[in-house]
PDB file of N, CA and C in Angstrom:
ATOM      1  N   MET A   1     164.174  62.778  76.731  1.00  0.00           N
ATOM      2  CA  MET A   1     164.769  64.106  76.709  1.00  0.00           C
ATOM      3  C   MET A   1     164.462  64.776  75.363  1.00  0.00           C
ATOM      4  N   LEU A   2     164.176  66.053  75.413  1.00  0.00           N
ATOM      5  CA  LEU A   2     163.846  66.791  74.200  1.00  0.00           C
ATOM      6  C   LEU A   2     165.106  67.300  73.522  1.00  0.00           C
ATOM      7  N   GLY A   3     165.089  67.263  72.176  1.00  0.00           N
ATOM      8  CA  GLY A   3     166.185  67.853  71.417  1.00  0.00           C
ATOM      9  C   GLY A   3     166.108  69.365  71.502  1.00  0.00           C
ATOM     10  N   GLY A   4     167.169  70.049  71.085  1.00  0.00           N
ATOM     11  CA  GLY A   4     167.223  71.506  71.188  1.00  0.00           C
ATOM     12  C   GLY A   4     166.072  72.209  70.508  1.00  0.00           C
ATOM     13  N   GLY A   5     165.758  71.810  69.270  1.00  0.00           N
ATOM     14  CA  GLY A   5     164.668  72.456  68.548  1.00  0.00           C
ATOM     15  C   GLY A   5     163.315  72.197  69.186  1.00  0.00           C
ATOM     16  N   GLU A   6     163.116  70.965  69.647  1.00  0.00           N
ATOM     17  CA  GLU A   6     161.845  70.625  70.269  1.00  0.00           C
ATOM     18  C   GLU A   6     161.693  71.331  71.621  1.00  0.00           C
ATOM     19  N   ALA A   7     162.764  71.417  72.386  1.00  0.00           N
ATOM     20  CA  ALA A   7     162.712  72.119  73.673  1.00  0.00           C
ATOM     21  C   ALA A   7     162.393  73.598  73.451  1.00  0.00           C
ATOM     22  N   ASP A   8     163.031  74.200  72.447  1.00  0.00           N
ATOM     23  CA  ASP A   8     162.762  75.602  72.121  1.00  0.00           C
ATOM     24  C   ASP A   8     161.321  75.788  71.664  1.00  0.00           C
ATOM     25  N   PHE A   9     160.816  74.830  70.880  1.00  0.00           N
ATOM     26  CA  PHE A   9     159.433  74.855  70.414  1.00  0.00           C
ATOM     27  C   PHE A   9     158.485  74.949  71.613  1.00  0.00           C
ATOM     28  N   PHE A  10     158.650  74.029  72.572  1.00  0.00           N
ATOM     29  CA  PHE A  10     157.753  74.014  73.730  1.00  0.00           C
ATOM     30  C   PHE A  10     157.915  75.249  74.593  1.00  0.00           C
ATOM     31  N   GLN A  11     159.130  75.710  74.777  1.00  0.00           N
ATOM     32  CA  GLN A  11     159.358  76.913  75.578  1.00  0.00           C
ATOM     33  C   GLN A  11     158.645  78.109  74.952  1.00  0.00           C
ATOM     34  N   GLU A  12     158.768  78.249  73.642  1.00  0.00           N
ATOM     35  CA  GLU A  12     158.162  79.397  72.967  1.00  0.00           C
ATOM     36  C   GLU A  12     156.638  79.299  72.932  1.00  0.00           C
ATOM     37  N   ILE A  13     156.109  78.107  72.689  1.00  0.00           N
ATOM     38  CA  ILE A  13     154.657  77.983  72.612  1.00  0.00           C
ATOM     39  C   ILE A  13     154.012  78.215  73.981  1.00  0.00           C
ATOM     40  N   LEU A  14     154.664  77.748  75.044  1.00  0.00           N
ATOM     41  CA  LEU A  14     154.135  77.998  76.390  1.00  0.00           C
ATOM     42  C   LEU A  14     154.188  79.484  76.720  1.00  0.00           C
ATOM     43  N   ALA A  15     155.240  80.172  76.302  1.00  0.00           N
ATOM     44  CA  ALA A  15     155.326  81.619  76.521  1.00  0.00           C
ATOM     45  C   ALA A  15     154.202  82.342  75.779  1.00  0.00           C
ATOM     46  N   MET A  16     153.875  81.886  74.572  1.00  0.00           N
ATOM     47  CA  MET A  16     152.796  82.502  73.790  1.00  0.00           C
ATOM     48  C   MET A  16     151.441  82.299  74.475  1.00  0.00           C
ATOM     49  N   ILE A  17     151.232  81.120  75.047  1.00  0.00           N
ATOM     50  CA  ILE A  17     149.972  80.845  75.757  1.00  0.00           C
ATOM     51  C   ILE A  17     149.873  81.730  76.991  1.00  0.00           C
ATOM     52  N   ARG A  18     150.932  81.785  77.764  1.00  0.00           N
ATOM     53  CA  ARG A  18     150.925  82.578  78.996  1.00  0.00           C
ATOM     54  C   ARG A  18     150.747  84.062  78.731  1.00  0.00           C
ATOM     55  N   SER A  19     151.270  84.543  77.601  1.00  0.00           N
ATOM     56  CA  SER A  19     151.149  85.966  77.267  1.00  0.00           C
ATOM     57  C   SER A  19     149.761  86.325  76.748  1.00  0.00           C
ATOM     58  N   GLY A  20     148.976  85.302  76.401  1.00  0.00           N
ATOM     59  CA  GLY A  20     147.630  85.553  75.894  1.00  0.00           C
ATOM     60  C   GLY A  20     147.546  85.637  74.381  1.00  0.00           C
ATOM     61  N   SER A  21     148.665  85.448  73.680  1.00  0.00           N
ATOM     62  CA  SER A  21     148.607  85.528  72.219  1.00  0.00           C
ATOM     63  C   SER A  21     147.984  84.278  71.609  1.00  0.00           C
ATOM     64  N   ILE A  22     147.894  83.201  72.376  1.00  0.00           N
ATOM     65  CA  ILE A  22     147.158  82.004  71.961  1.00  0.00           C
ATOM     66  C   ILE A  22     145.984  81.856  72.921  1.00  0.00           C
ATOM     67  N   ARG A  23     144.767  81.952  72.354  1.00  0.00           N
ATOM     68  CA  ARG A  23     143.571  81.926  73.204  1.00  0.00           C
ATOM     69  C   ARG A  23     142.604  80.798  72.878  1.00  0.00           C
ATOM     70  N   ASP A  24     142.826  80.113  71.752  1.00  0.00           N
ATOM     71  CA  ASP A  24     141.916  79.022  71.391  1.00  0.00           C
ATOM     72  C   ASP A  24     142.673  77.939  70.632  1.00  0.00           C
ATOM     73  N   LYS A  25     141.992  76.851  70.373  1.00  0.00           N
ATOM     74  CA  LYS A  25     142.631  75.697  69.750  1.00  0.00           C
ATOM     75  C   LYS A  25     143.124  76.014  68.336  1.00  0.00           C
ATOM     76  N   GLU A  26     142.385  76.817  67.602  1.00  0.00           N
ATOM     77  CA  GLU A  26     142.796  77.192  66.244  1.00  0.00           C
ATOM     78  C   GLU A  26     144.095  77.994  66.273  1.00  0.00           C
ATOM     79  N   ALA A  27     144.188  78.953  67.183  1.00  0.00           N
ATOM     80  CA  ALA A  27     145.411  79.749  67.310  1.00  0.00           C
ATOM     81  C   ALA A  27     146.578  78.872  67.756  1.00  0.00           C
ATOM     82  N   LEU A  28     146.300  77.898  68.628  1.00  0.00           N
ATOM     83  CA  LEU A  28     147.341  76.968  69.071  1.00  0.00           C
ATOM     84  C   LEU A  28     147.868  76.165  67.889  1.00  0.00           C
ATOM     85  N   HIS A  29     146.973  75.675  67.051  1.00  0.00           N
ATOM     86  CA  HIS A  29     147.401  74.892  65.889  1.00  0.00           C
ATOM     87  C   HIS A  29     148.257  75.739  64.947  1.00  0.00           C
ATOM     88  N   ARG A  30     147.820  76.965  64.671  1.00  0.00           N
ATOM     89  CA  ARG A  30     148.592  77.849  63.782  1.00  0.00           C
ATOM     90  C   ARG A  30     149.989  78.097  64.349  1.00  0.00           C
ATOM     91  N   ALA A  31     150.069  78.327  65.655  1.00  0.00           N
ATOM     92  CA  ALA A  31     151.359  78.583  66.289  1.00  0.00           C
ATOM     93  C   ALA A  31     152.245  77.344  66.241  1.00  0.00           C
ATOM     94  N   LYS A  32     151.650  76.164  66.439  1.00  0.00           N
ATOM     95  CA  LYS A  32     152.422  74.925  66.388  1.00  0.00           C
ATOM     96  C   LYS A  32     153.031  74.721  65.008  1.00  0.00           C
ATOM     97  N   VAL A  33     152.259  74.970  63.962  1.00  0.00           N
ATOM     98  CA  VAL A  33     152.766  74.822  62.591  1.00  0.00           C
ATOM     99  C   VAL A  33     153.887  75.829  62.340  1.00  0.00           C
ATOM    100  N   GLN A  34     153.663  77.076  62.734  1.00  0.00           N
ATOM    101  CA  GLN A  34     154.662  78.129  62.529  1.00  0.00           C
ATOM    102  C   GLN A  34     155.963  77.805  63.269  1.00  0.00           C
ATOM    103  N   LEU A  35     155.861  77.378  64.517  1.00  0.00           N
ATOM    104  CA  LEU A  35     157.063  77.107  65.297  1.00  0.00           C
ATOM    105  C   LEU A  35     157.777  75.839  64.840  1.00  0.00           C
ATOM    106  N   ALA A  36     157.022  74.847  64.394  1.00  0.00           N
ATOM    107  CA  ALA A  36     157.657  73.635  63.862  1.00  0.00           C
ATOM    108  C   ALA A  36     158.504  73.988  62.642  1.00  0.00           C
ATOM    109  N   ARG A  37     157.993  74.877  61.793  1.00  0.00           N
ATOM    110  CA  ARG A  37     158.777  75.337  60.632  1.00  0.00           C
ATOM    111  C   ARG A  37     159.985  76.142  61.087  1.00  0.00           C
ATOM    112  N   LYS A  38     159.756  77.047  62.040  1.00  0.00           N
ATOM    113  CA  LYS A  38     160.834  77.914  62.533  1.00  0.00           C
ATOM    114  C   LYS A  38     162.009  77.093  63.051  1.00  0.00           C
ATOM    115  N   TYR A  39     161.710  76.025  63.775  1.00  0.00           N
ATOM    116  CA  TYR A  39     162.758  75.212  64.374  1.00  0.00           C
ATOM    117  C   TYR A  39     163.151  74.014  63.513  1.00  0.00           C
ATOM    118  N   GLY A  40     162.606  73.935  62.283  1.00  0.00           N
ATOM    119  CA  GLY A  40     162.993  72.903  61.330  1.00  0.00           C
ATOM    120  C   GLY A  40     162.735  71.491  61.822  1.00  0.00           C
ATOM    121  N   LEU A  41     161.609  71.289  62.494  1.00  0.00           N
ATOM    122  CA  LEU A  41     161.340  69.998  63.109  1.00  0.00           C
ATOM    123  C   LEU A  41     160.868  68.937  62.125  1.00  0.00           C
ATOM    124  N   GLY A  42     160.167  69.307  61.067  1.00  0.00           N
ATOM    125  CA  GLY A  42     159.666  68.323  60.117  1.00  0.00           C
ATOM    126  C   GLY A  42     158.419  67.602  60.599  1.00  0.00           C
ATOM    127  N   TYR A  43     157.935  67.947  61.759  1.00  0.00           N
ATOM    128  CA  TYR A  43     156.709  67.386  62.329  1.00  0.00           C
ATOM    129  C   TYR A  43     156.190  68.387  63.360  1.00  0.00           C
ATOM    130  N   ILE A  44     154.948  68.205  63.782  1.00  0.00           N
ATOM    131  CA  ILE A  44     154.362  69.088  64.789  1.00  0.00           C
ATOM    132  C   ILE A  44     154.307  68.319  66.109  1.00  0.00           C
ATOM    133  N   PRO A  45     155.162  68.671  67.060  1.00  0.00           N
ATOM    134  CA  PRO A  45     155.226  67.910  68.307  1.00  0.00           C
ATOM    135  C   PRO A  45     154.085  68.236  69.261  1.00  0.00           C
ATOM    136  N   GLY A  46     153.836  67.288  70.156  1.00  0.00           N
ATOM    137  CA  GLY A  46     152.942  67.520  71.281  1.00  0.00           C
ATOM    138  C   GLY A  46     151.482  67.570  70.925  1.00  0.00           C
ATOM    139  N   GLY A  47     150.671  67.051  71.813  1.00  0.00           N
ATOM    140  CA  GLY A  47     149.228  67.160  71.688  1.00  0.00           C
ATOM    141  C   GLY A  47     148.753  68.443  72.331  1.00  0.00           C
ATOM    142  N   ASP A  48     147.638  68.956  71.870  1.00  0.00           N
ATOM    143  CA  ASP A  48     147.103  70.211  72.404  1.00  0.00           C
ATOM    144  C   ASP A  48     146.826  70.116  73.900  1.00  0.00           C
ATOM    145  N   VAL A  49     146.259  69.005  74.340  1.00  0.00           N
ATOM    146  CA  VAL A  49     145.906  68.856  75.749  1.00  0.00           C
ATOM    147  C   VAL A  49     147.157  68.922  76.622  1.00  0.00           C
ATOM    148  N   GLU A  50     148.217  68.229  76.210  1.00  0.00           N
ATOM    149  CA  GLU A  50     149.447  68.230  76.989  1.00  0.00           C
ATOM    150  C   GLU A  50     150.063  69.628  77.052  1.00  0.00           C
ATOM    151  N   ILE A  51     150.046  70.336  75.939  1.00  0.00           N
ATOM    152  CA  ILE A  51     150.605  71.692  75.906  1.00  0.00           C
ATOM    153  C   ILE A  51     149.804  72.611  76.810  1.00  0.00           C
ATOM    154  N   LEU A  52     148.481  72.575  76.703  1.00  0.00           N
ATOM    155  CA  LEU A  52     147.650  73.443  77.525  1.00  0.00           C
ATOM    156  C   LEU A  52     147.770  73.086  79.001  1.00  0.00           C
ATOM    157  N   HIS A  53     147.846  71.816  79.319  1.00  0.00           N
ATOM    158  CA  HIS A  53     148.015  71.381  80.702  1.00  0.00           C
ATOM    159  C   HIS A  53     149.335  71.901  81.265  1.00  0.00           C
ATOM    160  N   SER A  54     150.391  71.824  80.480  1.00  0.00           N
ATOM    161  CA  SER A  54     151.696  72.315  80.914  1.00  0.00           C
ATOM    162  C   SER A  54     151.660  73.810  81.180  1.00  0.00           C
ATOM    163  N   SER A  55     150.926  74.545  80.375  1.00  0.00           N
ATOM    164  CA  SER A  55     150.880  76.001  80.564  1.00  0.00           C
ATOM    165  C   SER A  55     150.141  76.344  81.850  1.00  0.00           C
ATOM    166  N   ASP A  56     149.119  75.599  82.231  1.00  0.00           N
ATOM    167  CA  ASP A  56     148.386  75.843  83.475  1.00  0.00           C
ATOM    168  C   ASP A  56     149.273  75.577  84.684  1.00  0.00           C
ATOM    169  N   LEU A  57     150.001  74.471  84.678  1.00  0.00           N
ATOM    170  CA  LEU A  57     150.854  74.105  85.800  1.00  0.00           C
ATOM    171  C   LEU A  57     152.030  75.054  85.930  1.00  0.00           C
ATOM    172  N   GLY A  58     152.439  75.631  84.819  1.00  0.00           N
ATOM    173  CA  GLY A  58     153.579  76.543  84.843  1.00  0.00           C
ATOM    174  C   GLY A  58     153.302  77.865  85.525  1.00  0.00           C
ATOM    175  N   GLU A  59     152.047  78.169  85.797  1.00  0.00           N
ATOM    176  CA  GLU A  59     151.681  79.420  86.446  1.00  0.00           C
ATOM    177  C   GLU A  59     151.588  79.287  87.957  1.00  0.00           C
ATOM    178  N   GLY A  60     152.161  78.212  88.496  1.00  0.00           N
ATOM    179  CA  GLY A  60     152.122  78.042  89.935  1.00  0.00           C
ATOM    180  C   GLY A  60     150.956  77.215  90.405  1.00  0.00           C
ATOM    181  N   GLY A  61     150.160  76.713  89.452  1.00  0.00           N
ATOM    182  CA  GLY A  61     149.033  75.859  89.814  1.00  0.00           C
ATOM    183  C   GLY A  61     149.521  74.481  90.159  1.00  0.00           C
ATOM    184  N   SER A  62     148.608  73.666  90.605  1.00  0.00           N
ATOM    185  CA  SER A  62     148.956  72.294  90.964  1.00  0.00           C
ATOM    186  C   SER A  62     147.822  71.380  90.585  1.00  0.00           C
ATOM    187  N   ALA A  63     148.162  70.203  90.127  1.00  0.00           N
ATOM    188  CA  ALA A  63     147.127  69.226  89.768  1.00  0.00           C
ATOM    189  C   ALA A  63     146.398  68.749  91.005  1.00  0.00           C
ATOM    190  N   ASN A  64     146.968  68.951  92.184  1.00  0.00           N
ATOM    191  CA  ASN A  64     146.349  68.473  93.421  1.00  0.00           C
ATOM    192  C   ASN A  64     145.608  69.543  94.188  1.00  0.00           C
ATOM    193  N   SER A  65     145.534  70.779  93.688  1.00  0.00           N
ATOM    194  CA  SER A  65     144.848  71.805  94.464  1.00  0.00           C
ATOM    195  C   SER A  65     143.378  71.884  94.182  1.00  0.00           C
TER     196      SER A  65
END
């Protein structure tokens, strides 16, 4: 289970990806650092692949389609 700050981190980063404000790996890294500071995490959670995969599935896609 994710803690409050970590859950907020993932919710916000996925919203940024879906809105198009994150378009490449460099922008993703910058956003991860910024949000980790914002939520006082002391570390940068999640791998890029997992975050990007989650954003694709969140748009109604399916790993089986």
